[in-house]
Protein backbone atom coordinates (compact mmCIF):
# COMPACT_ATOMS: atom_id res chain seq x y z
CA UNK A 1 197.62 122.11 73.08
CA UNK A 2 194.30 120.59 71.73
CA UNK A 3 191.18 121.91 72.06
CA UNK A 4 188.88 119.05 72.51
CA UNK A 5 186.06 118.94 70.52
CA UNK A 6 182.99 117.78 72.33
CA UNK A 7 182.45 117.48 75.77
CA UNK A 8 182.92 114.08 76.71
CA UNK A 9 186.78 114.11 74.72
CA UNK A 10 187.25 117.31 76.87
CA UNK A 11 186.38 115.15 80.32
CA UNK A 12 188.70 112.35 78.94
CA UNK A 13 191.41 114.89 78.50
CA UNK A 14 191.20 116.96 82.32
CA UNK A 15 191.20 113.32 83.80
CA UNK A 16 194.12 111.88 81.96
CA UNK A 17 195.89 115.25 83.04
CA UNK A 18 196.14 116.28 79.00
CA UNK A 19 194.61 119.59 79.76
CA UNK A 20 193.25 121.99 82.59
CA UNK A 21 190.01 123.26 83.04
CA UNK A 22 191.55 126.73 83.46
CA UNK A 23 193.58 126.00 80.36
CA UNK A 24 190.15 124.84 78.23
CA UNK A 25 188.36 127.93 79.31
CA UNK A 26 191.13 130.41 78.52
CA UNK A 27 191.60 129.07 75.12
CA UNK A 28 188.23 129.27 74.44
CA UNK A 29 187.77 132.84 75.43
CA UNK A 30 190.46 133.47 73.29
CA UNK A 31 188.80 131.84 70.55
CA UNK A 32 185.68 133.89 70.95
CA UNK A 33 187.96 137.00 71.65
CA UNK A 34 188.61 136.08 67.40
CA UNK A 35 185.42 135.08 66.18
CA UNK A 36 182.71 136.73 68.17
CA UNK A 37 183.05 140.16 66.37
CA UNK A 38 181.98 138.20 63.11
CA UNK A 39 179.61 135.94 64.52
CA UNK A 40 177.86 138.04 67.08
CA UNK A 41 177.29 134.86 69.42
CA UNK A 42 177.41 136.79 73.15
CA UNK A 43 175.87 139.58 75.16
CA UNK A 44 177.74 139.16 78.13
CA UNK A 45 181.32 137.57 78.55
CA UNK A 46 181.80 136.12 82.32
CA UNK A 47 185.22 135.89 81.74
CA UNK A 48 186.36 136.72 85.33
CA UNK A 49 184.00 134.57 87.03
CA UNK A 50 184.65 131.37 84.29
CA UNK A 51 188.16 131.53 84.95
CA UNK A 52 187.31 131.42 89.14
CA UNK A 53 185.08 128.44 88.40
CA UNK A 54 187.68 126.77 86.04
CA UNK A 55 190.25 127.20 88.78
CA UNK A 56 187.53 125.68 91.44
CA UNK A 57 187.46 122.84 88.99
CA UNK A 58 190.77 122.05 88.65
CA UNK A 59 191.19 122.57 92.65
CA UNK A 60 188.73 119.63 92.74
CA UNK A 61 190.45 117.50 90.55
CA UNK A 62 193.58 117.76 92.31
CA UNK A 63 192.25 116.58 95.74
CA UNK A 64 190.20 113.53 93.84
CA UNK A 65 186.55 115.51 94.01
CA UNK A 66 185.15 114.68 90.58
CA UNK A 67 181.52 115.56 90.50
CA UNK A 68 181.06 114.31 86.89
CA UNK A 69 181.57 114.44 83.56
CA UNK A 70 180.57 118.06 83.41
CA UNK A 71 183.16 119.38 85.98
CA UNK A 72 185.68 121.75 84.34
CA UNK A 73 183.59 122.21 80.94
CA UNK A 74 182.97 125.58 79.61
CA UNK A 75 179.02 126.11 78.61
CA UNK A 76 177.07 128.79 77.52
CA UNK A 77 173.67 130.21 78.06
CA UNK A 78 170.54 131.54 76.02
CA UNK A 79 170.23 135.21 77.41
CA UNK A 80 166.59 134.45 78.82
CA UNK A 81 167.81 132.46 81.72
CA UNK A 82 168.57 134.14 84.77
CA UNK A 83 172.01 133.79 86.40
CA UNK A 84 173.54 134.81 89.87
CA UNK A 85 176.62 136.26 87.87
CA UNK A 86 175.42 138.14 85.25
CA UNK A 87 172.60 140.44 83.62
CA UNK A 88 170.02 139.02 81.75
CA UNK A 89 168.48 140.72 78.78
CA UNK A 90 166.39 138.65 76.87
CA UNK A 91 167.89 140.00 73.66
CA UNK A 92 165.04 143.25 74.67
CA UNK A 93 165.03 146.72 75.79
CA UNK A 94 161.58 145.93 77.55
CA UNK A 95 162.96 143.37 80.27
CA UNK A 96 162.99 145.29 83.24
CA UNK A 97 166.73 144.37 84.51
CA UNK A 98 165.49 143.47 88.37
CA UNK A 99 164.39 140.20 86.66
CA UNK A 100 167.63 138.93 86.21
CA UNK A 101 168.49 139.31 89.88
CA UNK A 102 166.44 135.97 91.00
CA UNK A 103 170.06 134.51 90.22
CA UNK A 104 169.98 131.01 89.06
CA UNK A 105 166.96 128.46 88.15
CA UNK A 106 167.38 125.05 88.78
CA UNK A 107 168.67 124.14 85.10
CA UNK A 108 171.46 126.57 85.67
CA UNK A 109 172.07 125.97 89.37
CA UNK A 110 172.55 122.20 88.53
CA UNK A 111 175.11 122.91 85.98
CA UNK A 112 177.25 124.87 88.20
CA UNK A 113 176.86 121.92 90.95
CA UNK A 114 178.00 119.64 88.40
CA UNK A 115 181.06 121.96 88.26
CA UNK A 116 180.24 123.10 85.09
CA UNK A 117 181.51 126.50 84.00
CA UNK A 118 179.30 129.03 82.52
CA UNK A 119 181.28 131.01 79.97
CA UNK A 120 178.70 133.59 78.45
CA UNK A 121 175.30 134.66 78.15
CA UNK A 122 174.04 134.20 74.09
CA UNK A 123 172.38 136.32 71.69
CA UNK A 124 168.51 134.98 71.10
CA UNK A 125 165.66 136.12 69.29
CA UNK A 126 164.01 139.10 71.52
CA UNK A 127 162.20 137.14 74.47
CA UNK A 128 162.68 133.74 72.09
CA UNK A 129 160.34 135.46 69.49
CA UNK A 130 160.63 137.44 66.42
CA UNK A 131 164.03 138.06 64.70
CA UNK A 132 167.22 139.86 65.09
CA UNK A 133 167.05 143.75 64.43
CA UNK A 134 169.59 145.77 63.25
CA UNK A 135 167.54 148.86 64.75
CA UNK A 136 168.47 147.11 68.38
CA UNK A 137 171.78 147.56 70.50
CA UNK A 138 172.07 143.79 70.26
CA UNK A 139 174.46 141.73 68.21
CA UNK A 140 173.30 140.03 64.82
CA UNK A 141 173.92 136.64 65.09
CA UNK A 142 175.55 134.93 61.86
CA UNK A 143 176.06 131.47 61.15
CA UNK A 144 179.53 130.04 61.33
CA UNK A 145 179.56 127.73 58.24
CA UNK A 146 178.79 131.11 56.12
CA UNK A 147 178.41 134.67 58.18
CA UNK A 148 175.90 135.62 55.33
CA UNK A 149 173.60 132.98 56.30
CA UNK A 150 171.20 133.06 59.60
CA UNK A 151 172.06 130.75 62.53
CA UNK A 152 168.51 129.87 63.22
CA UNK A 153 166.42 130.53 66.17
CA UNK A 154 165.94 131.81 68.73
CA UNK A 155 168.73 130.16 70.22
CA UNK A 156 171.07 131.52 68.15
CA UNK A 157 173.76 132.22 69.89
CA UNK A 158 174.29 128.94 71.58
CA UNK A 159 173.83 127.23 68.08
CA UNK A 160 176.57 129.20 66.57
CA UNK A 161 178.90 129.18 69.39
CA UNK A 162 178.88 125.39 69.92
CA UNK A 163 179.51 124.96 66.09
CA UNK A 164 182.41 127.81 66.45
CA UNK A 165 183.84 126.15 69.41
CA UNK A 166 183.53 128.87 71.41
CA UNK A 167 182.09 126.47 74.26
CA UNK A 168 181.40 122.95 74.24
CA UNK A 169 177.78 122.83 75.08
CA UNK A 170 175.15 125.18 76.42
CA UNK A 171 171.29 125.55 77.28
CA UNK A 172 168.83 127.24 74.65
CA UNK A 173 164.65 126.89 75.06
CA UNK A 174 162.30 125.38 72.82
CA UNK A 175 158.68 126.49 72.35
CA UNK A 176 158.43 125.72 68.77
CA UNK A 177 161.94 124.55 67.50
CA UNK A 178 164.15 127.06 69.15
CA UNK A 179 166.65 124.42 70.21
CA UNK A 180 166.65 121.97 67.41
CA UNK A 181 166.58 124.90 64.59
CA UNK A 182 169.63 126.54 65.90
CA UNK A 183 171.37 122.86 65.95
CA UNK A 184 170.05 122.24 62.10
CA UNK A 185 171.14 125.60 61.37
CA UNK A 186 174.77 125.29 62.67
CA UNK A 187 175.48 121.73 62.21
CA UNK A 188 175.27 120.45 65.98
CA UNK A 189 173.00 118.18 68.05
CA UNK A 190 169.90 120.10 69.97
CA UNK A 191 167.84 117.80 72.37
CA UNK A 192 164.15 119.27 73.14
CA UNK A 193 162.89 116.80 76.24
CA UNK A 194 159.42 115.84 76.96
CA UNK A 195 157.56 119.04 78.32
CA UNK A 196 158.05 119.61 82.23
CA UNK A 197 161.17 117.10 82.15
CA UNK A 198 163.38 120.25 82.71
CA UNK A 199 162.44 123.03 85.06
CA UNK A 200 161.92 126.41 83.56
CA UNK A 201 161.81 128.44 86.57
CA UNK A 202 164.35 131.43 86.33
CA UNK A 203 163.58 131.54 82.65
CA UNK A 204 161.64 133.75 80.81
CA UNK A 205 158.42 133.17 78.98
CA UNK A 206 157.31 132.23 75.67
CA UNK A 207 154.56 129.84 75.86
CA UNK A 208 153.62 128.42 79.27
CA UNK A 209 152.60 125.25 78.29
CA UNK A 210 155.02 124.98 75.20
CA UNK A 211 158.28 126.15 76.42
CA UNK A 212 161.44 123.86 77.39
CA UNK A 213 164.99 124.30 78.28
CA UNK A 214 167.20 121.84 76.74
CA UNK A 215 170.84 121.34 75.70
CA UNK A 216 172.74 121.94 72.44
CA UNK A 217 176.27 120.50 71.89
CA UNK A 218 178.38 118.30 69.36
CA UNK A 219 177.24 115.49 69.76
CA UNK A 220 174.13 113.47 71.14
CA UNK A 221 176.38 111.92 73.99
CA UNK A 222 177.07 115.07 75.34
CA UNK A 223 173.34 115.98 75.01
CA UNK A 224 172.88 113.32 76.81
CA UNK A 225 175.26 114.21 79.20
CA UNK A 226 173.72 117.41 79.65
CA UNK A 227 169.92 116.26 80.01
CA UNK A 228 170.98 113.90 83.08
CA UNK A 229 172.26 116.68 84.81
CA UNK A 230 169.60 119.50 84.13
CA UNK A 231 166.02 117.42 84.32
CA UNK A 232 164.62 116.37 87.23
CA UNK A 233 161.33 117.40 89.44
CA UNK A 234 161.51 120.91 91.15
CA UNK A 235 158.66 122.40 92.87
CA UNK A 236 159.24 125.85 91.87
CA UNK A 237 158.17 125.23 88.10
CA UNK A 238 154.26 124.19 88.24
CA UNK A 239 154.71 122.17 84.97
CA UNK A 240 157.72 120.05 86.29
CA UNK A 241 157.14 116.33 86.18
CA UNK A 242 158.13 114.08 88.96
CA UNK A 243 160.14 110.91 86.80
CA UNK A 244 163.24 109.32 87.63
CA UNK A 245 165.86 110.93 85.83
CA UNK A 246 168.86 108.23 84.67
CA UNK A 247 171.88 108.42 83.59
CA UNK A 248 171.06 108.67 79.90
CA UNK A 249 174.93 108.09 78.78
CA UNK A 250 174.80 104.67 80.13
CA UNK A 251 171.89 103.46 77.49
CA UNK A 252 174.36 105.02 74.61
CA UNK A 253 175.41 101.59 73.12
CA UNK A 254 175.32 101.80 69.75
CA UNK A 255 172.82 99.30 68.74
CA UNK A 256 170.10 99.86 65.85
CA UNK A 257 169.34 96.60 65.58
CA UNK A 258 165.48 95.77 65.93
CA UNK A 259 164.57 99.30 66.97
CA UNK A 260 161.19 100.06 65.32
CA UNK A 261 161.63 102.97 63.44
CA UNK A 262 159.05 105.39 61.34
CA UNK A 263 159.67 107.45 58.96
CA UNK A 264 156.99 110.59 58.01
CA UNK A 265 157.66 111.88 54.66
CA UNK A 266 154.05 113.10 53.95
CA UNK A 267 153.90 116.77 55.17
CA UNK A 268 157.83 116.77 55.94
CA UNK A 269 159.73 116.23 52.38
CA UNK A 270 156.86 116.79 50.21
CA UNK A 271 156.50 120.56 50.73
CA UNK A 272 156.68 123.10 47.94
CA UNK A 273 159.82 124.72 49.32
CA UNK A 274 161.75 121.43 50.46
CA UNK A 275 165.52 121.60 49.35
CA UNK A 276 165.94 118.48 46.85
CA UNK A 277 169.37 118.23 49.33
CA UNK A 278 167.56 118.05 52.29
CA UNK A 279 165.21 115.34 50.65
CA UNK A 280 168.39 113.28 49.57
CA UNK A 281 170.29 113.66 52.83
CA UNK A 282 167.40 112.21 54.71
CA UNK A 283 166.89 109.08 52.10
CA UNK A 284 170.57 108.45 53.10
CA UNK A 285 170.06 108.83 56.91
CA UNK A 286 166.96 106.48 56.77
CA UNK A 287 169.49 103.78 55.04
CA UNK A 288 172.01 104.10 57.77
CA UNK A 289 168.69 103.18 60.16
CA UNK A 290 168.26 100.21 57.88
CA UNK A 291 172.17 99.39 57.63
CA UNK A 292 172.31 98.90 61.38
CA UNK A 293 169.45 96.34 61.65
CA UNK A 294 166.50 98.67 62.52
CA UNK A 295 162.90 98.08 60.86
CA UNK A 296 161.42 100.78 58.74
CA UNK A 297 158.00 101.83 58.10
CA UNK A 298 156.04 104.80 56.89
CA UNK A 299 153.85 106.60 59.23
CA UNK A 300 151.58 109.11 57.97
CA UNK A 301 149.69 111.48 60.39
CA UNK A 302 146.70 112.67 59.65
CA UNK A 303 145.49 116.55 59.10
CA UNK A 304 149.01 117.88 59.81
CA UNK A 305 148.60 121.05 58.15
CA UNK A 306 146.06 121.89 60.65
CA UNK A 307 148.21 120.57 63.67
CA UNK A 308 150.54 122.81 62.96
CA UNK A 309 148.43 125.78 62.11
CA UNK A 310 146.79 124.80 65.78
CA UNK A 311 150.31 124.88 67.42
CA UNK A 312 151.02 128.75 66.19
CA UNK A 313 147.86 129.85 67.13
CA UNK A 314 148.45 128.20 70.60
CA UNK A 315 152.09 129.75 71.51
CA UNK A 316 151.01 133.30 69.50
CA UNK A 317 148.02 133.48 71.85
CA UNK A 318 149.84 132.59 75.16
CA UNK A 319 152.84 134.75 74.25
CA UNK A 320 150.58 137.65 73.57
CA UNK A 321 148.54 137.17 76.69
CA UNK A 322 151.90 136.97 78.61
CA UNK A 323 153.31 140.36 76.89
CA UNK A 324 149.87 142.58 76.11
CA UNK A 325 150.43 145.15 79.15
CA UNK A 326 154.11 145.48 78.13
CA UNK A 327 153.34 146.00 74.12
CA UNK A 328 150.60 148.87 75.28
CA UNK A 329 153.40 150.84 77.61
CA UNK A 330 156.53 149.96 75.64
CA UNK A 331 155.81 149.46 71.91
CA UNK A 332 158.61 151.46 70.39
CA UNK A 333 161.13 149.68 72.67
CA UNK A 334 160.43 146.29 71.12
CA UNK A 335 161.98 145.05 67.75
CA UNK A 336 160.60 145.43 64.57
CA UNK A 337 159.66 141.72 64.03
CA UNK A 338 158.32 140.85 67.48
CA UNK A 339 156.21 143.88 66.92
CA UNK A 340 154.72 142.31 63.89
CA UNK A 341 154.18 139.01 64.61
CA UNK A 342 151.88 140.45 68.03
CA UNK A 343 150.60 142.83 66.31
CA UNK A 344 149.65 141.56 62.94
CA UNK A 345 148.45 137.73 64.41
CA UNK A 346 148.99 137.39 68.57
CA UNK A 347 146.74 140.16 69.52
CA UNK A 348 143.75 139.57 67.12
CA UNK A 349 143.50 135.90 68.22
CA UNK A 350 139.82 135.31 69.98
CA UNK A 351 139.05 133.20 72.86
CA UNK A 352 137.40 130.52 70.41
CA UNK A 353 140.62 130.74 68.09
CA UNK A 354 142.69 129.59 71.15
CA UNK A 355 140.30 126.91 72.28
CA UNK A 356 140.02 125.50 68.96
CA UNK A 357 143.97 125.27 69.16
CA UNK A 358 143.59 123.32 72.33
CA UNK A 359 141.11 121.23 70.90
CA UNK A 360 143.82 120.21 67.85
CA UNK A 361 146.18 119.24 70.63
CA UNK A 362 144.21 116.82 72.01
CA UNK A 363 143.26 115.21 68.93
CA UNK A 364 146.93 115.41 67.82
CA UNK A 365 147.99 114.05 70.71
CA UNK A 366 145.99 110.99 70.63
CA UNK A 367 146.84 110.22 67.44
CA UNK A 368 150.59 110.07 68.07
CA UNK A 369 150.03 108.27 71.28
CA UNK A 370 148.11 105.37 69.23
CA UNK A 371 150.86 105.64 66.17
CA UNK A 372 153.72 105.67 68.74
CA UNK A 373 152.63 102.48 70.17
CA UNK A 374 154.48 100.26 67.10
CA UNK A 375 157.14 102.68 67.25
CA UNK A 376 160.38 103.55 69.32
CA UNK A 377 161.48 106.19 67.32
CA UNK A 378 160.07 108.58 64.81
CA UNK A 379 162.22 110.22 61.97
CA UNK A 380 161.74 113.46 59.98
CA UNK A 381 163.82 116.22 58.66
CA UNK A 382 164.74 118.86 61.21
CA UNK A 383 164.50 121.70 58.53
CA UNK A 384 162.87 122.21 55.17
CA UNK A 385 166.42 123.50 53.62
CA UNK A 386 169.86 124.53 54.95
CA UNK A 387 169.87 128.07 56.83
CA UNK A 388 168.82 131.12 54.55
CA UNK A 389 170.54 134.17 54.31
CA UNK A 390 170.47 137.09 56.39
CA UNK A 391 169.72 139.58 53.99
CA UNK A 392 166.42 137.92 53.15
CA UNK A 393 164.83 137.49 56.70
CA UNK A 394 161.76 138.90 57.35
CA UNK A 395 158.79 138.03 59.73
CA UNK A 396 157.52 135.32 57.05
CA UNK A 397 160.59 133.81 56.84
CA UNK A 398 161.20 133.51 60.51
CA UNK A 399 157.81 131.49 61.23
CA UNK A 400 158.17 129.06 57.99
CA UNK A 401 161.17 127.57 58.72
CA UNK A 402 160.17 126.12 62.39
CA UNK A 403 157.37 124.13 60.46
CA UNK A 404 158.79 120.46 60.78
CA UNK A 405 159.94 121.16 64.37
CA UNK A 406 156.35 122.55 65.83
CA UNK A 407 154.55 119.27 66.05
CA UNK A 408 156.55 117.59 68.98
CA UNK A 409 156.90 121.19 70.67
CA UNK A 410 152.88 120.89 70.56
CA UNK A 411 152.29 117.63 71.87
CA UNK A 412 155.29 117.54 74.09
CA UNK A 413 157.22 114.91 72.95
CA UNK A 414 160.80 114.69 72.97
CA UNK A 415 163.13 115.23 69.73
CA UNK A 416 166.69 115.73 69.05
CA UNK A 417 168.29 117.41 66.03
CA UNK A 418 171.27 116.06 64.70
CA UNK A 419 173.44 116.81 61.42
CA UNK A 420 172.89 114.06 58.52
CA UNK A 421 175.05 115.94 55.78
CA UNK A 422 175.77 119.07 53.98
CA UNK A 423 174.24 121.08 51.39
CA UNK A 424 176.20 121.86 47.62
CA UNK A 425 176.79 125.26 49.14
CA UNK A 426 178.31 124.14 52.47
CA UNK A 427 175.59 124.80 55.11
CA UNK A 428 173.98 121.73 57.44
CA UNK A 429 171.46 119.37 56.98
CA UNK A 430 169.53 117.91 59.78
CA UNK A 431 167.84 114.75 60.94
CA UNK A 432 165.02 114.97 63.46
CA UNK A 433 164.28 111.98 65.93
CA UNK A 434 161.21 111.82 68.50
CA UNK A 435 159.83 109.15 70.81
CA UNK A 436 157.00 108.88 72.95
CA UNK A 437 156.76 111.27 76.00
CA UNK A 438 159.58 110.66 78.84
CA UNK A 439 161.73 108.40 76.55
CA UNK A 440 164.69 110.29 75.95
CA UNK A 441 166.91 106.97 76.23
CA UNK A 442 165.15 106.22 72.87
CA UNK A 443 165.76 109.20 70.94
CA UNK A 444 169.57 109.72 72.43
CA UNK A 445 170.38 105.79 71.67
CA UNK A 446 169.01 106.33 68.26
CA UNK A 447 170.68 109.55 67.66
CA UNK A 448 174.08 108.42 69.41
CA UNK A 449 174.33 105.19 67.39
CA UNK A 450 174.07 107.11 64.03
CA UNK A 451 176.75 109.29 64.79
CA UNK A 452 178.57 106.41 65.86
CA UNK A 453 178.78 105.58 62.10
CA UNK A 454 178.71 109.38 60.55
CA UNK A 455 181.02 112.12 61.12
CA UNK A 456 178.98 115.16 60.50
CA UNK A 457 178.58 116.11 63.80
CA UNK A 458 182.34 116.39 63.93
CA UNK A 459 182.71 118.74 61.31
CA UNK A 460 184.27 122.23 62.05
CA UNK A 461 183.41 125.19 60.11
CA UNK A 462 186.07 126.83 58.45
CA UNK A 463 186.39 130.03 60.04
CA UNK A 464 187.02 127.99 63.31
CA UNK A 465 190.66 127.08 61.96
CA UNK A 466 191.78 129.90 59.97
CA UNK A 467 194.70 132.26 61.40
CA UNK A 468 193.06 135.61 60.00
CA UNK A 469 189.13 136.02 59.81
CA UNK A 470 188.02 137.98 57.18
CA UNK A 471 185.67 141.03 57.85
């Protein structure tokens, strides 16, 4: 039996009678048995409920009931999303277990209603912040392309699990880049939609005005299918926006001709710690768009360093405001990276610091709104370099990597990270595509067209196919 690589392939195979949901789910659970001890993807396995859901999906197919492309597809969830059938930890000793008993939020419920199979709850940085802490009783997530390297964060387990083929897609969250960074580090695709397009109820907070729930999967097409399902207004989230949600997959025609593409180098490819291989990969990606008939021109964002710094101030201030009482009551229970981050920065911000960050956000949004009148999408790299080694991780390294993603989080624009090749050490490189608010269609259209003429997103880490995995 061939295990499908993508959601799209699996959906076709099920409808062609080549594989059942139960067979697919069992195969992925067996793969997790083999790989998870090495990669540290899962906090909670949901084998029994997943297999029961797979049986229901197969039974529905048998009587001609087809709920859509996600029916029978195994997915993972970042473990800051509450679920009906599993506890939620947020990778923290400080989360009250009662919190998770609220059950499925709108995004998770919509996946289940579409017939998807929730197979596991995945490792995250603590409350989507800080970094992995070996002193706490949670797995340390590893990159399937090289387990000595980081899988990014904070949706670490979901990104690594998709790359390792332990599930075909999943949900992460993004506040400064926490969907796109793991997508980039693990060589998969990850979409952050416009702020408010996916309701966040049933998800722990990181930043009230910055948090997004978004999909990770191998391809832009798969992300489009997931986003078409989870997006849409829900009154339970005060930030939820009531806009029409199309079937994004219906717009993915592979056509780049005439697409107005802005390219940003300044502040993205000329930073001191940018990898030359990343820069070369970015130039090659731009050439793919040019050869496809896109209209390419350079964009410069004024005062970008100040905007990036303001996003960090804004996020740190919101996060500290949410958790300050819990810091005081349970200080030693927090992970060391979270403690350092909050005590050295977030808790010492003044009200004027925070208000200044809001002024900069308004300035940034006005500037980008004006720029986007002339462009359909904007291209940048997602990361400055391939994922670093776990042994080198620290607080500074954790906040340095998302710098290329934070602009779009700050102003609420949609953005996707997709693979754009590999460095000489075998680790993935990643392209970031953004567009104006509520224009997920162009983001996904551009990403899918790029993936129709490249195959970086279809590459599988060697660890997945080895008969024996070294300890």
